[in-house]
Amino acid sequence: MLYLVVGLVLFLGVHSVRIYANNWRTECIARIGPRAWKGLYTVVSLVGFVLVVYGYGQSRATPVELWYPPQWTRHITALLMLPVFVLFAAAYIPGTHIRAMIKHPMVAGVKIWAFAHLISNGRLGDVMLFGAFLLWAALDYRSALQRDRKQVVTYPATGMVRDVAAIAIGLVVWVVFALWLHFLLIGVRPFG
């Protein structure tokens, strides 16, 4: 569990700098430059991510069961993942009505992803991983909305074609992930 905890602290910690230390972040970027900041940010994120993956794998190898969710909760999780993939796609397609309405679709998608996985997983490692991401995403979403209001940032929509593209891409990736990739990468069949 130590690797998982350290990984979460590093990965989510560096992703929380804008939430809790935005002025310090701005000062660091001014002092060391944006390229050095992005490089440092990337290195810490990658180290944290690798530790999260390794630590989570260890937690699955020696699981500590907190509760036993019913089998049908896996189907709820799989279905909740459909809007997650649409939100992830909308995060990279500018001008969607999805982004105009939700503002930060990537972070909203992470919230739903984490919540959905908490429904169907009852091991300590799962609760730590998905609970930490859910808490982070909730705090980051609130912080991002506050920044938008303060800086008067808007996300104008430019047409339905972009929304259709986000929905289509999200649906295709969801099907591929649910039927093949989740098992290949995680070892669990969402609908199995």
C-alpha atoms as a PDB file:
ATOM      1  CA  MET A   1       0.000   0.000   0.000  1.00  0.00           C
ATOM      2  CA  LEU A   2       2.941   2.322   0.573  1.00  0.00           C
ATOM      3  CA  TYR A   3       3.645   2.615  -3.171  1.00  0.00           C
ATOM      4  CA  LEU A   4      -0.019   3.368  -3.843  1.00  0.00           C
ATOM      5  CA  VAL A   5      -0.140   6.066  -1.162  1.00  0.00           C
ATOM      6  CA  VAL A   6       3.130   7.690  -2.267  1.00  0.00           C
ATOM      7  CA  GLY A   7       2.023   7.533  -5.894  1.00  0.00           C
ATOM      8  CA  LEU A   8      -1.316   9.154  -5.102  1.00  0.00           C
ATOM      9  CA  VAL A   9       0.379  11.892  -3.080  1.00  0.00           C
ATOM     10  CA  LEU A  10       2.799  12.654  -5.924  1.00  0.00           C
ATOM     11  CA  PHE A  11       0.325  12.376  -8.807  1.00  0.00           C
ATOM     12  CA  LEU A  12      -2.625  14.114  -7.202  1.00  0.00           C
ATOM     13  CA  GLY A  13      -0.350  16.496  -5.295  1.00  0.00           C
ATOM     14  CA  VAL A  14       1.219  17.914  -8.438  1.00  0.00           C
ATOM     15  CA  HIS A  15      -2.244  18.079 -10.027  1.00  0.00           C
ATOM     16  CA  SER A  16      -3.478  20.026  -6.984  1.00  0.00           C
ATOM     17  CA  VAL A  17      -0.952  22.857  -7.112  1.00  0.00           C
ATOM     18  CA  ARG A  18      -3.415  25.129  -8.952  1.00  0.00           C
ATOM     19  CA  ILE A  19      -6.042  24.387  -6.307  1.00  0.00           C
ATOM     20  CA  TYR A  20      -3.961  25.177  -3.222  1.00  0.00           C
ATOM     21  CA  ALA A  21      -0.879  27.071  -4.351  1.00  0.00           C
ATOM     22  CA  ASN A  22      -1.711  28.895  -7.560  1.00  0.00           C
ATOM     23  CA  ASN A  23       0.340  31.971  -6.594  1.00  0.00           C
ATOM     24  CA  TRP A  24       3.352  29.772  -5.791  1.00  0.00           C
ATOM     25  CA  ARG A  25       2.860  28.021  -9.135  1.00  0.00           C
ATOM     26  CA  THR A  26       2.835  31.367 -10.953  1.00  0.00           C
ATOM     27  CA  GLU A  27       5.995  32.461  -9.118  1.00  0.00           C
ATOM     28  CA  CYS A  28       7.781  29.198  -9.957  1.00  0.00           C
ATOM     29  CA  ILE A  29       6.865  29.475 -13.625  1.00  0.00           C
ATOM     30  CA  ALA A  30       8.164  33.065 -13.659  1.00  0.00           C
ATOM     31  CA  ARG A  31      11.380  31.998 -11.915  1.00  0.00           C
ATOM     32  CA  ILE A  32      12.267  28.786 -13.802  1.00  0.00           C
ATOM     33  CA  GLY A  33      10.278  29.288 -17.015  1.00  0.00           C
ATOM     34  CA  PRO A  34       7.259  27.483 -18.423  1.00  0.00           C
ATOM     35  CA  ARG A  35       9.258  24.719 -20.144  1.00  0.00           C
ATOM     36  CA  ALA A  36      11.145  23.796 -16.979  1.00  0.00           C
ATOM     37  CA  TRP A  37       7.882  23.892 -14.989  1.00  0.00           C
ATOM     38  CA  LYS A  38       6.156  21.607 -17.500  1.00  0.00           C
ATOM     39  CA  GLY A  39       9.148  19.267 -17.469  1.00  0.00           C
ATOM     40  CA  LEU A  40       9.199  19.057 -13.679  1.00  0.00           C
ATOM     41  CA  TYR A  41       5.411  18.660 -13.600  1.00  0.00           C
ATOM     42  CA  THR A  42       5.614  15.842 -16.160  1.00  0.00           C
ATOM     43  CA  VAL A  43       8.387  13.984 -14.338  1.00  0.00           C
ATOM     44  CA  VAL A  44       6.611  14.130 -10.961  1.00  0.00           C
ATOM     45  CA  SER A  45       3.318  13.105 -12.613  1.00  0.00           C
ATOM     46  CA  LEU A  46       4.920  10.135 -14.379  1.00  0.00           C
ATOM     47  CA  VAL A  47       6.714   8.940 -11.249  1.00  0.00           C
ATOM     48  CA  GLY A  48       3.462   9.259  -9.308  1.00  0.00           C
ATOM     49  CA  PHE A  49       1.502   7.450 -12.010  1.00  0.00           C
ATOM     50  CA  VAL A  50       3.972   4.559 -12.163  1.00  0.00           C
ATOM     51  CA  LEU A  51       3.854   4.235  -8.367  1.00  0.00           C
ATOM     52  CA  VAL A  52       0.029   4.316  -8.419  1.00  0.00           C
ATOM     53  CA  VAL A  53      -0.099   1.551 -11.034  1.00  0.00           C
ATOM     54  CA  TYR A  54       2.482  -0.562  -9.199  1.00  0.00           C
ATOM     55  CA  GLY A  55       0.947   0.044  -5.783  1.00  0.00           C
ATOM     56  CA  TYR A  56      -2.560  -0.690  -7.034  1.00  0.00           C
ATOM     57  CA  GLY A  57      -1.296  -3.907  -8.602  1.00  0.00           C
ATOM     58  CA  GLN A  58       0.234  -4.881  -5.259  1.00  0.00           C
ATOM     59  CA  SER A  59      -3.030  -4.112  -3.467  1.00  0.00           C
ATOM     60  CA  ARG A  60      -4.864  -6.439  -5.871  1.00  0.00           C
ATOM     61  CA  ALA A  61      -2.290  -9.198  -5.326  1.00  0.00           C
ATOM     62  CA  THR A  62      -2.880  -9.119  -1.547  1.00  0.00           C
ATOM     63  CA  PRO A  63      -6.389  -7.699  -1.238  1.00  0.00           C
ATOM     64  CA  VAL A  64      -7.930  -6.412   1.960  1.00  0.00           C
ATOM     65  CA  GLU A  65     -11.678  -6.835   1.529  1.00  0.00           C
ATOM     66  CA  LEU A  66     -13.775  -4.091   3.153  1.00  0.00           C
ATOM     67  CA  TRP A  67     -17.093  -5.225   1.649  1.00  0.00           C
ATOM     68  CA  TYR A  68     -18.355  -7.448  -1.140  1.00  0.00           C
ATOM     69  CA  PRO A  69     -20.375  -5.465  -3.709  1.00  0.00           C
ATOM     70  CA  PRO A  70     -23.072  -7.458  -5.519  1.00  0.00           C
ATOM     71  CA  GLN A  71     -22.126  -8.676  -8.996  1.00  0.00           C
ATOM     72  CA  TRP A  72     -24.729  -6.419 -10.662  1.00  0.00           C
ATOM     73  CA  THR A  73     -22.843  -3.303  -9.506  1.00  0.00           C
ATOM     74  CA  ARG A  74     -20.238  -4.047 -12.183  1.00  0.00           C
ATOM     75  CA  HIS A  75     -22.892  -3.411 -14.826  1.00  0.00           C
ATOM     76  CA  ILE A  76     -23.808  -0.070 -13.250  1.00  0.00           C
ATOM     77  CA  THR A  77     -20.151   0.902 -13.287  1.00  0.00           C
ATOM     78  CA  ALA A  78     -19.795  -0.133 -16.929  1.00  0.00           C
ATOM     79  CA  LEU A  79     -22.866   1.889 -17.912  1.00  0.00           C
ATOM     80  CA  LEU A  80     -21.704   4.953 -15.961  1.00  0.00           C
ATOM     81  CA  MET A  81     -18.484   4.798 -17.948  1.00  0.00           C
ATOM     82  CA  LEU A  82     -20.308   5.689 -21.181  1.00  0.00           C
ATOM     83  CA  PRO A  83     -20.778   9.373 -20.242  1.00  0.00           C
ATOM     84  CA  VAL A  84     -17.219   9.355 -18.878  1.00  0.00           C
ATOM     85  CA  PHE A  85     -15.784   8.526 -22.307  1.00  0.00           C
ATOM     86  CA  VAL A  86     -18.038  11.133 -23.941  1.00  0.00           C
ATOM     87  CA  LEU A  87     -16.819  13.742 -21.439  1.00  0.00           C
ATOM     88  CA  PHE A  88     -13.192  12.754 -22.057  1.00  0.00           C
ATOM     89  CA  ALA A  89     -13.725  13.164 -25.814  1.00  0.00           C
ATOM     90  CA  ALA A  90     -15.488  16.515 -25.305  1.00  0.00           C
ATOM     91  CA  ALA A  91     -12.488  17.730 -23.294  1.00  0.00           C
ATOM     92  CA  TYR A  92     -10.374  17.543 -26.467  1.00  0.00           C
ATOM     93  CA  ILE A  93     -12.937  18.837 -28.955  1.00  0.00           C
ATOM     94  CA  PRO A  94     -13.314  22.616 -28.640  1.00  0.00           C
ATOM     95  CA  GLY A  95     -16.651  24.296 -29.135  1.00  0.00           C
ATOM     96  CA  THR A  96     -18.973  21.534 -27.940  1.00  0.00           C
ATOM     97  CA  HIS A  97     -22.199  22.262 -26.105  1.00  0.00           C
ATOM     98  CA  ILE A  98     -20.982  19.640 -23.633  1.00  0.00           C
ATOM     99  CA  ARG A  99     -18.004  21.813 -22.707  1.00  0.00           C
ATOM    100  CA  ALA A 100     -20.141  24.969 -22.705  1.00  0.00           C
ATOM    101  CA  MET A 101     -22.508  23.367 -20.218  1.00  0.00           C
ATOM    102  CA  ILE A 102     -20.068  21.400 -18.029  1.00  0.00           C
ATOM    103  CA  LYS A 103     -17.046  23.739 -18.413  1.00  0.00           C
ATOM    104  CA  HIS A 104     -14.432  21.133 -17.437  1.00  0.00           C
ATOM    105  CA  PRO A 105     -15.514  17.802 -18.936  1.00  0.00           C
ATOM    106  CA  MET A 106     -12.248  15.968 -18.181  1.00  0.00           C
ATOM    107  CA  VAL A 107     -12.482  16.628 -14.449  1.00  0.00           C
ATOM    108  CA  ALA A 108     -16.226  15.886 -14.451  1.00  0.00           C
ATOM    109  CA  GLY A 109     -15.426  12.611 -16.205  1.00  0.00           C
ATOM    110  CA  VAL A 110     -12.831  11.721 -13.565  1.00  0.00           C
ATOM    111  CA  LYS A 111     -15.457  12.338 -10.857  1.00  0.00           C
ATOM    112  CA  ILE A 112     -17.916   9.963 -12.496  1.00  0.00           C
ATOM    113  CA  TRP A 113     -15.162   7.395 -13.222  1.00  0.00           C
ATOM    114  CA  ALA A 114     -14.051   7.347  -9.594  1.00  0.00           C
ATOM    115  CA  PHE A 115     -17.599   7.242  -8.207  1.00  0.00           C
ATOM    116  CA  ALA A 116     -18.613   4.476 -10.625  1.00  0.00           C
ATOM    117  CA  HIS A 117     -15.650   2.333  -9.600  1.00  0.00           C
ATOM    118  CA  LEU A 118     -16.321   2.849  -5.896  1.00  0.00           C
ATOM    119  CA  ILE A 119     -19.769   1.320  -6.458  1.00  0.00           C
ATOM    120  CA  SER A 120     -18.411  -2.002  -7.681  1.00  0.00           C
ATOM    121  CA  ASN A 121     -15.138  -2.375  -5.774  1.00  0.00           C
ATOM    122  CA  GLY A 122     -14.861  -3.065  -2.069  1.00  0.00           C
ATOM    123  CA  ARG A 123     -11.170  -3.649  -1.464  1.00  0.00           C
ATOM    124  CA  LEU A 124      -9.000  -1.236   0.512  1.00  0.00           C
ATOM    125  CA  GLY A 125      -6.771  -0.476  -2.490  1.00  0.00           C
ATOM    126  CA  ASP A 126      -9.845   0.331  -4.597  1.00  0.00           C
ATOM    127  CA  VAL A 127     -11.278   2.646  -1.952  1.00  0.00           C
ATOM    128  CA  MET A 128      -7.939   4.417  -1.613  1.00  0.00           C
ATOM    129  CA  LEU A 129      -7.441   4.807  -5.379  1.00  0.00           C
ATOM    130  CA  PHE A 130     -10.951   5.746  -6.453  1.00  0.00           C
ATOM    131  CA  GLY A 131     -11.748   7.652  -3.258  1.00  0.00           C
ATOM    132  CA  ALA A 132      -8.623   9.791  -3.638  1.00  0.00           C
ATOM    133  CA  PHE A 133      -9.444  10.557  -7.283  1.00  0.00           C
ATOM    134  CA  LEU A 134     -13.074  11.351  -6.430  1.00  0.00           C
ATOM    135  CA  LEU A 135     -12.035  13.776  -3.689  1.00  0.00           C
ATOM    136  CA  TRP A 136      -9.400  15.383  -5.911  1.00  0.00           C
ATOM    137  CA  ALA A 137     -11.793  15.740  -8.862  1.00  0.00           C
ATOM    138  CA  ALA A 138     -14.501  17.325  -6.689  1.00  0.00           C
ATOM    139  CA  LEU A 139     -12.025  19.856  -5.280  1.00  0.00           C
ATOM    140  CA  ASP A 140     -10.415  20.540  -8.653  1.00  0.00           C
ATOM    141  CA  TYR A 141     -13.780  21.017 -10.380  1.00  0.00           C
ATOM    142  CA  ARG A 142     -14.891  23.528  -7.762  1.00  0.00           C
ATOM    143  CA  SER A 143     -11.559  25.351  -7.978  1.00  0.00           C
ATOM    144  CA  ALA A 144     -11.674  25.480 -11.787  1.00  0.00           C
ATOM    145  CA  LEU A 145     -15.203  26.901 -11.767  1.00  0.00           C
ATOM    146  CA  GLN A 146     -14.132  29.555  -9.248  1.00  0.00           C
ATOM    147  CA  ARG A 147     -11.143  30.478 -11.443  1.00  0.00           C
ATOM    148  CA  ASP A 148     -13.438  30.719 -14.472  1.00  0.00           C
ATOM    149  CA  ARG A 149     -15.827  33.059 -12.643  1.00  0.00           C
ATOM    150  CA  LYS A 150     -12.982  35.202 -11.346  1.00  0.00           C
ATOM    151  CA  GLN A 151     -11.332  35.466 -14.777  1.00  0.00           C
ATOM    152  CA  VAL A 152     -14.674  35.613 -16.641  1.00  0.00           C
ATOM    153  CA  VAL A 153     -13.828  32.567 -18.772  1.00  0.00           C
ATOM    154  CA  THR A 154     -16.535  31.193 -21.040  1.00  0.00           C
ATOM    155  CA  TYR A 155     -16.700  28.143 -23.274  1.00  0.00           C
ATOM    156  CA  PRO A 156     -18.822  29.064 -26.300  1.00  0.00           C
ATOM    157  CA  ALA A 157     -20.368  26.282 -28.357  1.00  0.00           C
ATOM    158  CA  THR A 158     -19.865  26.452 -32.121  1.00  0.00           C
ATOM    159  CA  GLY A 159     -22.118  23.736 -33.466  1.00  0.00           C
ATOM    160  CA  MET A 160     -23.777  20.391 -32.935  1.00  0.00           C
ATOM    161  CA  VAL A 161     -21.347  18.576 -35.237  1.00  0.00           C
ATOM    162  CA  ARG A 162     -18.680  18.780 -32.547  1.00  0.00           C
ATOM    163  CA  ASP A 163     -21.053  17.319 -29.952  1.00  0.00           C
ATOM    164  CA  VAL A 164     -21.993  14.492 -32.306  1.00  0.00           C
ATOM    165  CA  ALA A 165     -18.288  13.816 -32.815  1.00  0.00           C
ATOM    166  CA  ALA A 166     -17.638  13.759 -29.050  1.00  0.00           C
ATOM    167  CA  ILE A 167     -20.553  11.393 -28.482  1.00  0.00           C
ATOM    168  CA  ALA A 168     -19.528   9.114 -31.364  1.00  0.00           C
ATOM    169  CA  ILE A 169     -15.883   8.988 -30.293  1.00  0.00           C
ATOM    170  CA  GLY A 170     -16.859   8.422 -26.664  1.00  0.00           C
ATOM    171  CA  LEU A 171     -19.229   5.605 -27.619  1.00  0.00           C
ATOM    172  CA  VAL A 172     -16.681   3.852 -29.837  1.00  0.00           C
ATOM    173  CA  VAL A 173     -13.915   4.099 -27.224  1.00  0.00           C
ATOM    174  CA  TRP A 174     -16.349   2.912 -24.514  1.00  0.00           C
ATOM    175  CA  VAL A 175     -17.254  -0.184 -26.558  1.00  0.00           C
ATOM    176  CA  VAL A 176     -13.603  -0.987 -27.327  1.00  0.00           C
ATOM    177  CA  PHE A 177     -12.593  -0.443 -23.721  1.00  0.00           C
ATOM    178  CA  ALA A 178     -15.529  -2.358 -22.223  1.00  0.00           C
ATOM    179  CA  LEU A 179     -15.234  -5.347 -24.539  1.00  0.00           C
ATOM    180  CA  TRP A 180     -11.455  -5.660 -24.905  1.00  0.00           C
ATOM    181  CA  LEU A 181      -9.082  -3.114 -23.393  1.00  0.00           C
ATOM    182  CA  HIS A 182     -10.316  -3.195 -19.780  1.00  0.00           C
ATOM    183  CA  PHE A 183      -9.637  -6.918 -19.593  1.00  0.00           C
ATOM    184  CA  LEU A 184      -6.282  -6.615 -21.357  1.00  0.00           C
ATOM    185  CA  LEU A 185      -5.080  -3.731 -19.164  1.00  0.00           C
ATOM    186  CA  ILE A 186      -6.849  -4.358 -15.840  1.00  0.00           C
ATOM    187  CA  GLY A 187      -7.735  -8.043 -15.983  1.00  0.00           C
ATOM    188  CA  VAL A 188     -11.471  -7.505 -15.332  1.00  0.00           C
ATOM    189  CA  ARG A 189     -14.314  -7.899 -17.821  1.00  0.00           C
ATOM    190  CA  PRO A 190     -16.877  -5.125 -17.180  1.00  0.00           C
ATOM    191  CA  PHE A 191     -19.721  -7.199 -18.629  1.00  0.00           C
ATOM    192  CA  GLY A 192     -18.241 -10.629 -17.871  1.00  0.00           C
END
